[in-house]
């Protein structure tokens, strides 16, 4: 399955609707590979902080693939965040984070570790 050309989509969107944000987004759009976390950052830059109600409505329409979820969970480990902090950072629900951890993080300890 082909993925959309996010670089082209965001370049067009910025050129047509948000030319004043071109400079803020240029460092992300110039990267060789744009990953899903970059797309989230671009959305945050474009939406701004004033459109909180609009952002809240758009949250229901988001979907994440396995790699993106794993990157978000790695971000949590790397920055030592709890589920609430991670949810606030990425504008997710705490229940979503808990569900992802249940699905993607192994509940079984490694075999070489003692079981208590």
N, C-alpha and C. Protein backbone atom coordinates (compact mmCIF):
# COMPACT_ATOMS: atom_id res chain seq x y z
N UNK A 1 0.83 -1.18 0.00
CA UNK A 1 0.00 0.00 0.00
C UNK A 1 0.88 1.24 0.00
N UNK A 2 0.60 2.18 -0.87
CA UNK A 2 1.37 3.42 -0.95
C UNK A 2 0.90 4.40 0.11
N UNK A 3 1.85 5.16 0.62
CA UNK A 3 1.50 6.21 1.58
C UNK A 3 1.42 7.55 0.86
N UNK A 4 0.64 8.46 1.38
CA UNK A 4 0.52 9.77 0.74
C UNK A 4 1.86 10.52 0.79
N UNK A 5 2.05 11.42 -0.15
CA UNK A 5 3.24 12.26 -0.17
C UNK A 5 2.99 13.46 0.74
N UNK A 6 3.26 13.25 2.04
CA UNK A 6 2.96 14.28 3.03
C UNK A 6 3.73 15.57 2.78
N UNK A 7 4.95 15.45 2.30
CA UNK A 7 5.73 16.65 2.01
C UNK A 7 4.99 17.53 1.00
N UNK A 8 4.52 16.94 -0.07
CA UNK A 8 3.80 17.68 -1.11
C UNK A 8 2.49 18.24 -0.55
N UNK A 9 1.78 17.44 0.21
CA UNK A 9 0.50 17.88 0.78
C UNK A 9 0.71 19.10 1.66
N UNK A 10 1.68 19.03 2.56
CA UNK A 10 1.90 20.14 3.49
C UNK A 10 2.51 21.35 2.79
N UNK A 11 3.36 21.14 1.81
CA UNK A 11 3.90 22.27 1.05
C UNK A 11 2.77 23.02 0.35
N UNK A 12 1.87 22.28 -0.29
CA UNK A 12 0.73 22.91 -0.96
C UNK A 12 -0.19 23.62 0.03
N UNK A 13 -0.46 22.97 1.15
CA UNK A 13 -1.33 23.56 2.16
C UNK A 13 -0.75 24.86 2.70
N UNK A 14 0.54 24.85 2.98
CA UNK A 14 1.20 26.05 3.51
C UNK A 14 1.23 27.14 2.44
N UNK A 15 1.54 26.76 1.22
CA UNK A 15 1.60 27.76 0.14
C UNK A 15 0.23 28.42 -0.09
N UNK A 16 -0.84 27.62 -0.05
CA UNK A 16 -2.17 28.15 -0.38
C UNK A 16 -2.88 28.81 0.80
N UNK A 17 -2.75 28.22 2.00
CA UNK A 17 -3.56 28.71 3.12
C UNK A 17 -2.76 29.37 4.23
N UNK A 18 -1.52 28.97 4.43
CA UNK A 18 -0.75 29.46 5.56
C UNK A 18 0.65 29.93 5.15
N UNK A 19 0.76 30.86 4.22
CA UNK A 19 2.10 31.28 3.77
C UNK A 19 2.95 31.89 4.89
N UNK A 20 2.30 32.44 5.91
CA UNK A 20 3.03 33.04 7.03
C UNK A 20 3.74 32.00 7.89
N UNK A 21 3.39 30.73 7.75
CA UNK A 21 3.99 29.67 8.55
C UNK A 21 5.05 28.87 7.79
N UNK A 22 5.35 29.33 6.58
CA UNK A 22 6.32 28.62 5.74
C UNK A 22 7.67 28.48 6.43
N UNK A 23 8.15 29.57 7.02
CA UNK A 23 9.47 29.55 7.65
C UNK A 23 9.50 28.61 8.85
N UNK A 24 8.41 28.57 9.62
CA UNK A 24 8.36 27.69 10.80
C UNK A 24 8.38 26.21 10.40
N UNK A 25 7.80 25.90 9.26
CA UNK A 25 7.68 24.50 8.82
C UNK A 25 8.84 24.05 7.92
N UNK A 26 9.64 24.98 7.45
CA UNK A 26 10.66 24.65 6.45
C UNK A 26 11.66 23.61 6.94
N UNK A 27 12.07 23.67 8.21
CA UNK A 27 13.06 22.71 8.70
C UNK A 27 12.53 21.27 8.67
N UNK A 28 11.25 21.11 8.92
CA UNK A 28 10.65 19.77 8.87
C UNK A 28 10.48 19.32 7.43
N UNK A 29 10.00 20.21 6.57
CA UNK A 29 9.74 19.86 5.18
C UNK A 29 11.00 19.62 4.37
N UNK A 30 12.14 20.12 4.84
CA UNK A 30 13.40 19.91 4.13
C UNK A 30 14.07 18.59 4.49
N UNK A 31 13.56 17.91 5.52
CA UNK A 31 14.13 16.62 5.91
C UNK A 31 13.98 15.61 4.79
N UNK A 32 14.92 14.69 4.71
CA UNK A 32 14.88 13.66 3.67
C UNK A 32 13.66 12.76 3.85
N UNK A 33 13.43 12.31 5.08
CA UNK A 33 12.28 11.46 5.38
C UNK A 33 11.41 12.14 6.44
N UNK A 34 10.14 12.29 6.13
CA UNK A 34 9.21 12.86 7.09
C UNK A 34 8.50 11.70 7.78
N UNK A 35 8.70 11.60 9.10
CA UNK A 35 8.05 10.51 9.84
C UNK A 35 6.73 11.00 10.45
N UNK A 36 5.95 10.09 10.97
CA UNK A 36 4.64 10.48 11.52
C UNK A 36 4.71 11.52 12.64
N UNK A 37 5.78 11.50 13.42
CA UNK A 37 5.91 12.51 14.47
C UNK A 37 6.14 13.89 13.87
N UNK A 38 6.81 13.95 12.73
CA UNK A 38 6.98 15.23 12.02
C UNK A 38 5.62 15.75 11.53
N UNK A 39 4.78 14.85 11.10
CA UNK A 39 3.45 15.24 10.63
C UNK A 39 2.65 15.83 11.78
N UNK A 40 2.77 15.22 12.96
CA UNK A 40 2.09 15.75 14.13
C UNK A 40 2.61 17.15 14.45
N UNK A 41 3.93 17.34 14.38
CA UNK A 41 4.52 18.67 14.63
C UNK A 41 4.03 19.69 13.61
N UNK A 42 3.97 19.30 12.34
CA UNK A 42 3.45 20.21 11.31
C UNK A 42 2.01 20.60 11.60
N UNK A 43 1.20 19.65 12.00
CA UNK A 43 -0.18 19.95 12.36
C UNK A 43 -0.25 20.95 13.51
N UNK A 44 0.61 20.76 14.51
CA UNK A 44 0.63 21.68 15.65
C UNK A 44 1.03 23.09 15.22
N UNK A 45 2.02 23.18 14.34
CA UNK A 45 2.47 24.49 13.87
C UNK A 45 1.37 25.17 13.06
N UNK A 46 0.76 24.44 12.17
CA UNK A 46 -0.27 25.02 11.31
C UNK A 46 -1.52 25.40 12.10
N UNK A 47 -1.96 24.51 13.00
CA UNK A 47 -3.19 24.76 13.76
C UNK A 47 -3.02 25.91 14.74
N UNK A 48 -1.82 26.05 15.30
CA UNK A 48 -1.61 27.09 16.28
C UNK A 48 -2.27 26.74 17.60
N UNK A 49 -2.14 27.61 18.56
CA UNK A 49 -2.69 27.35 19.89
C UNK A 49 -4.10 27.93 20.04
N UNK A 50 -4.53 28.78 19.13
CA UNK A 50 -5.82 29.45 19.28
C UNK A 50 -7.00 28.60 18.83
N UNK A 51 -6.77 27.57 18.06
CA UNK A 51 -7.85 26.76 17.51
C UNK A 51 -8.12 25.51 18.36
N UNK A 52 -8.19 25.66 19.66
CA UNK A 52 -8.34 24.50 20.55
C UNK A 52 -9.61 23.72 20.27
N UNK A 53 -10.71 24.39 20.00
CA UNK A 53 -11.97 23.69 19.74
C UNK A 53 -11.89 22.92 18.43
N UNK A 54 -11.27 23.52 17.43
CA UNK A 54 -11.09 22.86 16.14
C UNK A 54 -10.20 21.62 16.28
N UNK A 55 -9.13 21.75 17.06
CA UNK A 55 -8.21 20.64 17.29
C UNK A 55 -8.93 19.51 18.01
N UNK A 56 -9.74 19.87 19.00
CA UNK A 56 -10.47 18.86 19.76
C UNK A 56 -11.38 18.05 18.84
N UNK A 57 -12.05 18.71 17.91
CA UNK A 57 -12.91 18.02 16.96
C UNK A 57 -12.13 17.14 16.00
N UNK A 58 -10.95 17.59 15.59
CA UNK A 58 -10.13 16.82 14.65
C UNK A 58 -9.50 15.59 15.30
N UNK A 59 -9.36 15.58 16.62
CA UNK A 59 -8.74 14.45 17.31
C UNK A 59 -9.50 13.16 17.03
N UNK A 60 -10.80 13.25 16.87
CA UNK A 60 -11.60 12.06 16.65
C UNK A 60 -11.30 11.41 15.30
N UNK A 61 -10.70 12.15 14.39
CA UNK A 61 -10.47 11.66 13.04
C UNK A 61 -9.07 11.07 12.84
N UNK A 62 -8.23 11.13 13.88
CA UNK A 62 -6.86 10.65 13.73
C UNK A 62 -6.79 9.14 13.82
N UNK A 63 -5.86 8.58 13.06
CA UNK A 63 -5.55 7.16 13.19
C UNK A 63 -4.04 7.01 13.09
N UNK A 64 -3.52 6.00 13.75
CA UNK A 64 -2.09 5.81 13.81
C UNK A 64 -1.76 4.39 13.37
N UNK A 65 -0.69 4.26 12.60
CA UNK A 65 -0.25 2.92 12.22
C UNK A 65 0.67 2.36 13.31
N UNK A 66 1.01 1.12 13.17
CA UNK A 66 1.81 0.42 14.18
C UNK A 66 3.14 1.13 14.44
N UNK A 67 3.84 1.54 13.38
CA UNK A 67 5.14 2.20 13.54
C UNK A 67 5.02 3.51 14.30
N UNK A 68 3.98 4.27 14.02
CA UNK A 68 3.78 5.54 14.71
C UNK A 68 3.50 5.30 16.19
N UNK A 69 2.66 4.33 16.48
CA UNK A 69 2.35 4.01 17.87
C UNK A 69 3.63 3.60 18.61
N UNK A 70 4.44 2.78 17.98
CA UNK A 70 5.68 2.35 18.61
C UNK A 70 6.64 3.53 18.82
N UNK A 71 6.67 4.47 17.88
CA UNK A 71 7.50 5.67 18.05
C UNK A 71 7.00 6.51 19.22
N UNK A 72 5.68 6.63 19.35
CA UNK A 72 5.12 7.40 20.46
C UNK A 72 5.44 6.72 21.79
N UNK A 73 5.32 5.41 21.84
CA UNK A 73 5.65 4.69 23.08
C UNK A 73 7.15 4.76 23.38
N UNK A 74 7.99 4.75 22.36
CA UNK A 74 9.44 4.94 22.57
C UNK A 74 9.72 6.35 23.09
N UNK A 75 8.99 7.32 22.59
CA UNK A 75 9.14 8.70 23.07
C UNK A 75 8.83 8.75 24.57
N UNK A 76 7.81 8.02 24.98
CA UNK A 76 7.45 7.98 26.39
C UNK A 76 8.60 7.43 27.23
N UNK A 77 9.20 6.34 26.77
CA UNK A 77 10.32 5.74 27.51
C UNK A 77 11.52 6.68 27.54
N UNK A 78 11.83 7.24 26.38
CA UNK A 78 13.01 8.10 26.25
C UNK A 78 12.92 9.33 27.15
N UNK A 79 11.73 9.89 27.28
CA UNK A 79 11.55 11.12 28.05
C UNK A 79 10.96 10.89 29.43
N UNK A 80 10.86 9.61 29.82
CA UNK A 80 10.39 9.23 31.15
C UNK A 80 9.05 9.88 31.49
N UNK A 81 8.07 9.69 30.61
CA UNK A 81 6.74 10.26 30.81
C UNK A 81 5.78 9.19 31.29
N UNK A 82 4.83 9.60 32.12
CA UNK A 82 3.77 8.67 32.46
C UNK A 82 2.68 8.77 31.39
N UNK A 83 1.66 7.93 31.48
CA UNK A 83 0.63 7.91 30.45
C UNK A 83 -0.08 9.25 30.30
N UNK A 84 -0.35 9.91 31.41
CA UNK A 84 -1.04 11.20 31.36
C UNK A 84 -0.19 12.25 30.65
N UNK A 85 1.08 12.31 30.96
CA UNK A 85 1.97 13.28 30.33
C UNK A 85 2.10 13.01 28.83
N UNK A 86 2.21 11.75 28.46
CA UNK A 86 2.30 11.39 27.05
C UNK A 86 1.01 11.77 26.32
N UNK A 87 -0.12 11.47 26.94
CA UNK A 87 -1.41 11.80 26.33
C UNK A 87 -1.54 13.31 26.12
N UNK A 88 -1.13 14.10 27.08
CA UNK A 88 -1.19 15.56 26.94
C UNK A 88 -0.25 16.05 25.84
N UNK A 89 0.94 15.46 25.79
CA UNK A 89 1.93 15.90 24.79
C UNK A 89 1.44 15.66 23.37
N UNK A 90 0.86 14.49 23.12
CA UNK A 90 0.41 14.15 21.77
C UNK A 90 -1.08 14.35 21.55
N UNK A 91 -1.75 14.96 22.54
CA UNK A 91 -3.19 15.24 22.45
C UNK A 91 -3.99 13.96 22.20
N UNK A 92 -3.73 12.97 23.03
CA UNK A 92 -4.42 11.69 22.99
C UNK A 92 -5.19 11.53 24.29
N UNK A 93 -6.00 10.49 24.35
CA UNK A 93 -6.64 10.17 25.63
C UNK A 93 -5.74 9.22 26.40
N UNK A 94 -5.85 9.27 27.72
CA UNK A 94 -5.06 8.36 28.55
C UNK A 94 -5.47 6.92 28.28
N UNK A 95 -6.75 6.72 27.98
CA UNK A 95 -7.23 5.36 27.67
C UNK A 95 -6.57 4.82 26.41
N UNK A 96 -6.37 5.68 25.43
CA UNK A 96 -5.71 5.26 24.19
C UNK A 96 -4.28 4.81 24.47
N UNK A 97 -3.57 5.61 25.27
CA UNK A 97 -2.18 5.27 25.61
C UNK A 97 -2.14 3.94 26.36
N UNK A 98 -3.04 3.77 27.32
CA UNK A 98 -3.07 2.52 28.09
C UNK A 98 -3.38 1.33 27.18
N UNK A 99 -4.30 1.51 26.26
CA UNK A 99 -4.66 0.43 25.33
C UNK A 99 -3.47 0.07 24.45
N UNK A 100 -2.77 1.08 23.93
CA UNK A 100 -1.59 0.82 23.10
C UNK A 100 -0.54 0.06 23.88
N UNK A 101 -0.31 0.46 25.12
CA UNK A 101 0.71 -0.21 25.92
C UNK A 101 0.32 -1.66 26.18
N UNK A 102 -0.96 -1.90 26.40
CA UNK A 102 -1.44 -3.25 26.62
C UNK A 102 -1.24 -4.11 25.38
N UNK A 103 -1.49 -3.53 24.21
CA UNK A 103 -1.37 -4.28 22.95
C UNK A 103 0.09 -4.46 22.54
N UNK A 104 0.90 -3.40 22.61
CA UNK A 104 2.23 -3.41 22.02
C UNK A 104 3.38 -3.68 22.98
N UNK A 105 3.15 -3.55 24.26
CA UNK A 105 4.22 -3.82 25.23
C UNK A 105 3.97 -5.19 25.84
N UNK A 106 4.96 -6.02 25.78
CA UNK A 106 4.82 -7.39 26.27
C UNK A 106 4.55 -7.41 27.76
N UNK A 107 3.54 -8.16 28.15
CA UNK A 107 3.21 -8.30 29.57
C UNK A 107 4.06 -9.39 30.21
N UNK A 108 4.62 -10.27 29.40
CA UNK A 108 5.43 -11.37 29.93
C UNK A 108 6.86 -10.90 30.15
N UNK A 109 7.44 -11.17 31.34
CA UNK A 109 8.84 -10.81 31.55
C UNK A 109 9.76 -11.71 30.74
N UNK A 110 10.96 -11.27 30.44
CA UNK A 110 11.91 -12.12 29.69
C UNK A 110 12.17 -13.42 30.45
N UNK A 111 12.51 -14.46 29.72
CA UNK A 111 12.70 -15.77 30.33
C UNK A 111 13.86 -15.83 31.31
N UNK A 112 14.89 -15.01 31.13
CA UNK A 112 16.03 -15.05 32.01
C UNK A 112 15.81 -14.26 33.30
N UNK A 113 14.68 -13.58 33.42
CA UNK A 113 14.37 -12.81 34.64
C UNK A 113 13.57 -13.70 35.59
N UNK A 114 13.81 -13.59 36.89
CA UNK A 114 13.03 -14.40 37.85
C UNK A 114 11.59 -13.93 37.90
N UNK A 115 10.67 -14.84 38.13
CA UNK A 115 9.25 -14.53 38.25
C UNK A 115 8.92 -14.41 39.73
N UNK A 116 8.31 -13.33 40.12
CA UNK A 116 7.94 -13.13 41.55
C UNK A 116 6.47 -13.15 41.72
